[in-house]
PDB file of all heavy atoms in Angstrom:
ATOM      1  N   GLN A   1       0.807  -1.208   0.007  1.00  0.00           N
ATOM      2  CA  GLN A   1       0.021  -0.020  -0.011  1.00  0.00           C
ATOM      3  C   GLN A   1       0.818   1.258   0.006  1.00  0.00           C
ATOM      4  O   GLN A   1       0.566   2.230  -0.725  1.00  0.00           O
ATOM      5  CB  GLN A   1      -0.947  -0.011   1.187  1.00  0.00           C
ATOM      6  CG  GLN A   1      -2.021  -1.037   1.138  1.00  0.00           C
ATOM      7  CD  GLN A   1      -2.912  -0.965   2.291  1.00  0.00           C
ATOM      8  OE1 GLN A   1      -2.626  -0.578   3.414  1.00  0.00           O
ATOM      9  NE2 GLN A   1      -4.212  -1.431   2.063  1.00  0.00           N
ATOM     10  N   ALA A   2       1.924   1.200   0.809  1.00  0.00           N
ATOM     11  CA  ALA A   2       2.797   2.355   0.849  1.00  0.00           C
ATOM     12  C   ALA A   2       3.901   2.343  -0.190  1.00  0.00           C
ATOM     13  O   ALA A   2       4.566   3.363  -0.456  1.00  0.00           O
ATOM     14  CB  ALA A   2       3.456   2.541   2.250  1.00  0.00           C
ATOM     15  N   GLY A   3       4.124   1.206  -0.768  1.00  0.00           N
ATOM     16  CA  GLY A   3       5.223   1.062  -1.793  1.00  0.00           C
ATOM     17  C   GLY A   3       6.599   1.205  -1.116  1.00  0.00           C
ATOM     18  O   GLY A   3       7.538   1.716  -1.720  1.00  0.00           O
ATOM     19  N   GLU A   4       6.719   0.780   0.179  1.00  0.00           N
ATOM     20  CA  GLU A   4       7.942   1.000   0.891  1.00  0.00           C
ATOM     21  C   GLU A   4       8.503  -0.316   1.457  1.00  0.00           C
ATOM     22  O   GLU A   4       7.736  -1.234   1.673  1.00  0.00           O
ATOM     23  CB  GLU A   4       7.753   1.975   2.018  1.00  0.00           C
ATOM     24  CG  GLU A   4       7.288   3.402   1.599  1.00  0.00           C
ATOM     25  CD  GLU A   4       7.006   4.286   2.794  1.00  0.00           C
ATOM     26  OE1 GLU A   4       6.892   3.803   3.930  1.00  0.00           O
ATOM     27  OE2 GLU A   4       6.851   5.450   2.542  1.00  0.00           O
ATOM     28  N   VAL A   5       9.768  -0.369   1.725  1.00  0.00           N
ATOM     29  CA  VAL A   5      10.457  -1.535   2.252  1.00  0.00           C
ATOM     30  C   VAL A   5      11.078  -1.194   3.605  1.00  0.00           C
ATOM     31  O   VAL A   5      11.716  -0.166   3.782  1.00  0.00           O
ATOM     32  CB  VAL A   5      11.552  -2.031   1.277  1.00  0.00           C
ATOM     33  CG1 VAL A   5      12.241  -3.276   1.922  1.00  0.00           C
ATOM     34  CG2 VAL A   5      10.938  -2.489  -0.014  1.00  0.00           C
ATOM     35  N   GLN A   6      10.755  -2.015   4.563  1.00  0.00           N
ATOM     36  CA  GLN A   6      11.401  -1.843   5.926  1.00  0.00           C
ATOM     37  C   GLN A   6      12.256  -3.031   6.134  1.00  0.00           C
ATOM     38  O   GLN A   6      11.958  -4.195   5.970  1.00  0.00           O
ATOM     39  CB  GLN A   6      10.315  -1.755   6.955  1.00  0.00           C
ATOM     40  CG  GLN A   6      10.901  -1.647   8.401  1.00  0.00           C
ATOM     41  CD  GLN A   6       9.783  -1.464   9.468  1.00  0.00           C
ATOM     42  OE1 GLN A   6       8.609  -1.474   9.081  1.00  0.00           O
ATOM     43  NE2 GLN A   6      10.159  -1.384  10.743  1.00  0.00           N
ATOM     44  N   GLU A   7      13.478  -2.761   6.696  1.00  0.00           N
ATOM     45  CA  GLU A   7      14.499  -3.799   6.949  1.00  0.00           C
ATOM     46  C   GLU A   7      14.373  -4.178   8.403  1.00  0.00           C
ATOM     47  O   GLU A   7      14.345  -3.344   9.289  1.00  0.00           O
ATOM     48  CB  GLU A   7      15.934  -3.332   6.599  1.00  0.00           C
ATOM     49  CG  GLU A   7      16.156  -2.979   5.192  1.00  0.00           C
ATOM     50  CD  GLU A   7      16.365  -4.189   4.285  1.00  0.00           C
ATOM     51  OE1 GLU A   7      16.538  -5.293   4.884  1.00  0.00           O
ATOM     52  OE2 GLU A   7      16.315  -4.103   3.055  1.00  0.00           O
ATOM     53  N   VAL A   8      14.392  -5.532   8.668  1.00  0.00           N
ATOM     54  CA  VAL A   8      14.531  -6.081   9.981  1.00  0.00           C
ATOM     55  C   VAL A   8      15.971  -6.543  10.002  1.00  0.00           C
ATOM     56  O   VAL A   8      16.405  -7.527   9.411  1.00  0.00           O
ATOM     57  CB  VAL A   8      13.634  -7.245  10.272  1.00  0.00           C
ATOM     58  CG1 VAL A   8      13.884  -7.788  11.665  1.00  0.00           C
ATOM     59  CG2 VAL A   8      12.181  -6.796  10.055  1.00  0.00           C
ATOM     60  N   PRO A   9      16.863  -5.824  10.752  1.00  0.00           N
ATOM     61  CA  PRO A   9      18.368  -6.031  10.526  1.00  0.00           C
ATOM     62  C   PRO A   9      18.997  -7.220  11.227  1.00  0.00           C
ATOM     63  O   PRO A   9      18.553  -7.641  12.359  1.00  0.00           O
ATOM     64  CB  PRO A   9      18.921  -4.701  11.086  1.00  0.00           C
ATOM     65  CG  PRO A   9      17.953  -4.268  12.166  1.00  0.00           C
ATOM     66  CD  PRO A   9      16.591  -4.687  11.639  1.00  0.00           C
ATOM     67  N   ASP A  10      19.960  -7.719  10.545  1.00  0.00           N
ATOM     68  CA  ASP A  10      20.902  -8.707  11.086  1.00  0.00           C
ATOM     69  C   ASP A  10      20.328  -9.947  11.738  1.00  0.00           C
ATOM     70  O   ASP A  10      20.922 -10.572  12.609  1.00  0.00           O
ATOM     71  CB  ASP A  10      21.809  -8.005  12.180  1.00  0.00           C
ATOM     72  CG  ASP A  10      22.526  -6.797  11.597  1.00  0.00           C
ATOM     73  OD1 ASP A  10      22.862  -6.858  10.428  1.00  0.00           O
ATOM     74  OD2 ASP A  10      22.815  -5.851  12.360  1.00  0.00           O
ATOM     75  N   ILE A  11      19.205 -10.444  11.231  1.00  0.00           N
ATOM     76  CA  ILE A  11      18.632 -11.697  11.846  1.00  0.00           C
ATOM     77  C   ILE A  11      19.345 -12.897  11.343  1.00  0.00           C
ATOM     78  O   ILE A  11      19.189 -14.000  11.905  1.00  0.00           O
ATOM     79  CB  ILE A  11      17.150 -11.782  11.541  1.00  0.00           C
ATOM     80  CG1 ILE A  11      16.911 -11.997  10.003  1.00  0.00           C
ATOM     81  CG2 ILE A  11      16.395 -10.604  12.013  1.00  0.00           C
ATOM     82  CD1 ILE A  11      15.446 -12.207   9.726  1.00  0.00           C
ATOM     83  N   GLN A  12      20.203 -12.819  10.327  1.00  0.00           N
ATOM     84  CA  GLN A  12      20.934 -14.040   9.798  1.00  0.00           C
ATOM     85  C   GLN A  12      22.393 -13.862  10.001  1.00  0.00           C
ATOM     86  O   GLN A  12      23.204 -14.642   9.543  1.00  0.00           O
ATOM     87  CB  GLN A  12      20.644 -14.149   8.323  1.00  0.00           C
ATOM     88  CG  GLN A  12      21.065 -15.472   7.687  1.00  0.00           C
ATOM     89  CD  GLN A  12      20.636 -15.712   6.296  1.00  0.00           C
ATOM     90  OE1 GLN A  12      20.486 -16.861   5.905  1.00  0.00           O
ATOM     91  NE2 GLN A  12      20.377 -14.694   5.526  1.00  0.00           N
ATOM     92  N   ILE A  13      22.835 -12.925  10.765  1.00  0.00           N
ATOM     93  CA  ILE A  13      24.236 -12.561  10.806  1.00  0.00           C
ATOM     94  C   ILE A  13      25.084 -13.559  11.586  1.00  0.00           C
ATOM     95  O   ILE A  13      26.267 -13.748  11.407  1.00  0.00           O
ATOM     96  CB  ILE A  13      24.464 -11.145  11.429  1.00  0.00           C
ATOM     97  CG1 ILE A  13      25.910 -10.598  11.081  1.00  0.00           C
ATOM     98  CG2 ILE A  13      24.241 -11.146  12.934  1.00  0.00           C
ATOM     99  CD1 ILE A  13      26.078  -9.188  11.338  1.00  0.00           C
ATOM    100  N   ASP A  14      24.438 -14.299  12.546  1.00  0.00           N
ATOM    101  CA  ASP A  14      25.193 -15.267  13.378  1.00  0.00           C
ATOM    102  C   ASP A  14      24.699 -16.667  13.202  1.00  0.00           C
ATOM    103  O   ASP A  14      24.887 -17.547  14.086  1.00  0.00           O
ATOM    104  CB  ASP A  14      25.035 -14.853  14.833  1.00  0.00           C
ATOM    105  CG  ASP A  14      23.644 -14.776  15.324  1.00  0.00           C
ATOM    106  OD1 ASP A  14      22.747 -14.834  14.471  1.00  0.00           O
ATOM    107  OD2 ASP A  14      23.422 -14.564  16.579  1.00  0.00           O
ATOM    108  N   GLY A  15      24.079 -16.989  12.077  1.00  0.00           N
ATOM    109  CA  GLY A  15      23.645 -18.370  11.810  1.00  0.00           C
ATOM    110  C   GLY A  15      22.825 -18.415  10.574  1.00  0.00           C
ATOM    111  O   GLY A  15      22.434 -17.493   9.987  1.00  0.00           O
ATOM    112  N   ARG A  16      22.399 -19.656  10.202  1.00  0.00           N
ATOM    113  CA  ARG A  16      21.629 -19.940   9.042  1.00  0.00           C
ATOM    114  C   ARG A  16      20.215 -19.888   9.486  1.00  0.00           C
ATOM    115  O   ARG A  16      19.822 -20.521  10.461  1.00  0.00           O
ATOM    116  CB  ARG A  16      21.959 -21.286   8.458  1.00  0.00           C
ATOM    117  CG  ARG A  16      21.102 -21.632   7.214  1.00  0.00           C
ATOM    118  CD  ARG A  16      21.651 -22.963   6.564  1.00  0.00           C
ATOM    119  NE  ARG A  16      21.567 -24.099   7.428  1.00  0.00           N
ATOM    120  CZ  ARG A  16      20.493 -24.873   7.543  1.00  0.00           C
ATOM    121  NH1 ARG A  16      19.395 -24.636   6.848  1.00  0.00           N
ATOM    122  NH2 ARG A  16      20.492 -25.932   8.348  1.00  0.00           N
ATOM    123  N   ILE A  17      19.303 -19.173   8.731  1.00  0.00           N
ATOM    124  CA  ILE A  17      17.887 -19.060   9.107  1.00  0.00           C
ATOM    125  C   ILE A  17      17.039 -19.560   7.956  1.00  0.00           C
ATOM    126  O   ILE A  17      17.445 -19.630   6.823  1.00  0.00           O
ATOM    127  CB  ILE A  17      17.519 -17.699   9.503  1.00  0.00           C
ATOM    128  CG1 ILE A  17      17.513 -16.706   8.315  1.00  0.00           C
ATOM    129  CG2 ILE A  17      18.397 -17.091  10.649  1.00  0.00           C
ATOM    130  CD1 ILE A  17      16.879 -15.406   8.641  1.00  0.00           C
ATOM    131  N   SER A  18      15.817 -19.883   8.243  1.00  0.00           N
ATOM    132  CA  SER A  18      14.731 -20.121   7.301  1.00  0.00           C
ATOM    133  C   SER A  18      14.185 -18.871   6.805  1.00  0.00           C
ATOM    134  O   SER A  18      14.495 -17.805   7.363  1.00  0.00           O
ATOM    135  CB  SER A  18      13.648 -21.043   7.785  1.00  0.00           C
ATOM    136  OG  SER A  18      12.977 -20.372   8.859  1.00  0.00           O
ATOM    137  N   THR A  19      13.413 -18.876   5.739  1.00  0.00           N
ATOM    138  CA  THR A  19      12.826 -17.607   5.222  1.00  0.00           C
ATOM    139  C   THR A  19      11.738 -17.137   6.237  1.00  0.00           C
ATOM    140  O   THR A  19      10.873 -17.923   6.575  1.00  0.00           O
ATOM    141  CB  THR A  19      12.157 -17.868   3.842  1.00  0.00           C
ATOM    142  OG1 THR A  19      13.126 -18.437   2.937  1.00  0.00           O
ATOM    143  CG2 THR A  19      11.533 -16.585   3.306  1.00  0.00           C
ATOM    144  N   PRO A  20      11.847 -15.927   6.698  1.00  0.00           N
ATOM    145  CA  PRO A  20      10.893 -15.435   7.703  1.00  0.00           C
ATOM    146  C   PRO A  20       9.497 -15.429   7.091  1.00  0.00           C
ATOM    147  O   PRO A  20       9.232 -15.018   5.955  1.00  0.00           O
ATOM    148  CB  PRO A  20      11.357 -14.047   7.962  1.00  0.00           C
ATOM    149  CG  PRO A  20      12.778 -14.039   7.637  1.00  0.00           C
ATOM    150  CD  PRO A  20      12.907 -14.979   6.492  1.00  0.00           C
ATOM    151  N   VAL A  21       8.442 -15.833   7.971  1.00  0.00           N
ATOM    152  CA  VAL A  21       7.071 -15.816   7.479  1.00  0.00           C
ATOM    153  C   VAL A  21       6.209 -15.088   8.494  1.00  0.00           C
ATOM    154  O   VAL A  21       6.547 -15.072   9.719  1.00  0.00           O
ATOM    155  CB  VAL A  21       6.476 -17.271   7.320  1.00  0.00           C
ATOM    156  CG1 VAL A  21       7.255 -17.997   6.223  1.00  0.00           C
ATOM    157  CG2 VAL A  21       6.596 -18.080   8.622  1.00  0.00           C
ATOM    158  N   PHE A  22       5.224 -14.409   8.107  1.00  0.00           N
ATOM    159  CA  PHE A  22       4.283 -13.712   9.029  1.00  0.00           C
ATOM    160  C   PHE A  22       3.473 -14.816   9.784  1.00  0.00           C
ATOM    161  O   PHE A  22       3.003 -15.837   9.258  1.00  0.00           O
ATOM    162  CB  PHE A  22       3.297 -12.850   8.275  1.00  0.00           C
ATOM    163  CG  PHE A  22       3.967 -11.499   7.892  1.00  0.00           C
ATOM    164  CD1 PHE A  22       4.167 -11.261   6.571  1.00  0.00           C
ATOM    165  CD2 PHE A  22       4.195 -10.597   8.839  1.00  0.00           C
ATOM    166  CE1 PHE A  22       4.720 -10.078   6.173  1.00  0.00           C
ATOM    167  CE2 PHE A  22       4.744  -9.327   8.443  1.00  0.00           C
ATOM    168  CZ  PHE A  22       4.999  -9.094   7.142  1.00  0.00           C
ATOM    169  N   LEU A  23       3.227 -14.551  11.041  1.00  0.00           N
ATOM    170  CA  LEU A  23       2.262 -15.321  11.757  1.00  0.00           C
ATOM    171  C   LEU A  23       0.889 -15.048  11.252  1.00  0.00           C
ATOM    172  O   LEU A  23       0.584 -14.018  10.656  1.00  0.00           O
ATOM    173  CB  LEU A  23       2.347 -15.063  13.288  1.00  0.00           C
ATOM    174  CG  LEU A  23       3.625 -15.474  13.948  1.00  0.00           C
ATOM    175  CD1 LEU A  23       3.586 -15.049  15.410  1.00  0.00           C
ATOM    176  CD2 LEU A  23       3.775 -17.022  13.886  1.00  0.00           C
ATOM    177  N   HIS A  24      -0.085 -15.951  11.473  1.00  0.00           N
ATOM    178  CA  HIS A  24      -1.484 -15.786  10.943  1.00  0.00           C
ATOM    179  C   HIS A  24      -2.237 -14.669  11.707  1.00  0.00           C
ATOM    180  O   HIS A  24      -3.189 -14.044  11.086  1.00  0.00           O
ATOM    181  CB  HIS A  24      -2.161 -17.104  10.965  1.00  0.00           C
ATOM    182  CG  HIS A  24      -1.632 -18.154  10.046  1.00  0.00           C
ATOM    183  ND1 HIS A  24      -0.644 -18.997  10.447  1.00  0.00           N
ATOM    184  CD2 HIS A  24      -1.922 -18.469   8.805  1.00  0.00           C
ATOM    185  CE1 HIS A  24      -0.336 -19.818   9.479  1.00  0.00           C
ATOM    186  NE2 HIS A  24      -1.079 -19.561   8.419  1.00  0.00           N
TER     187      HIS A  24
END
């Protein structure tokens, strides 16, 4: 709606992660 991107920083910096998904 806003056409904007927000970064959630450094969640993968200290390990391997799965693709983040929204909770329902």
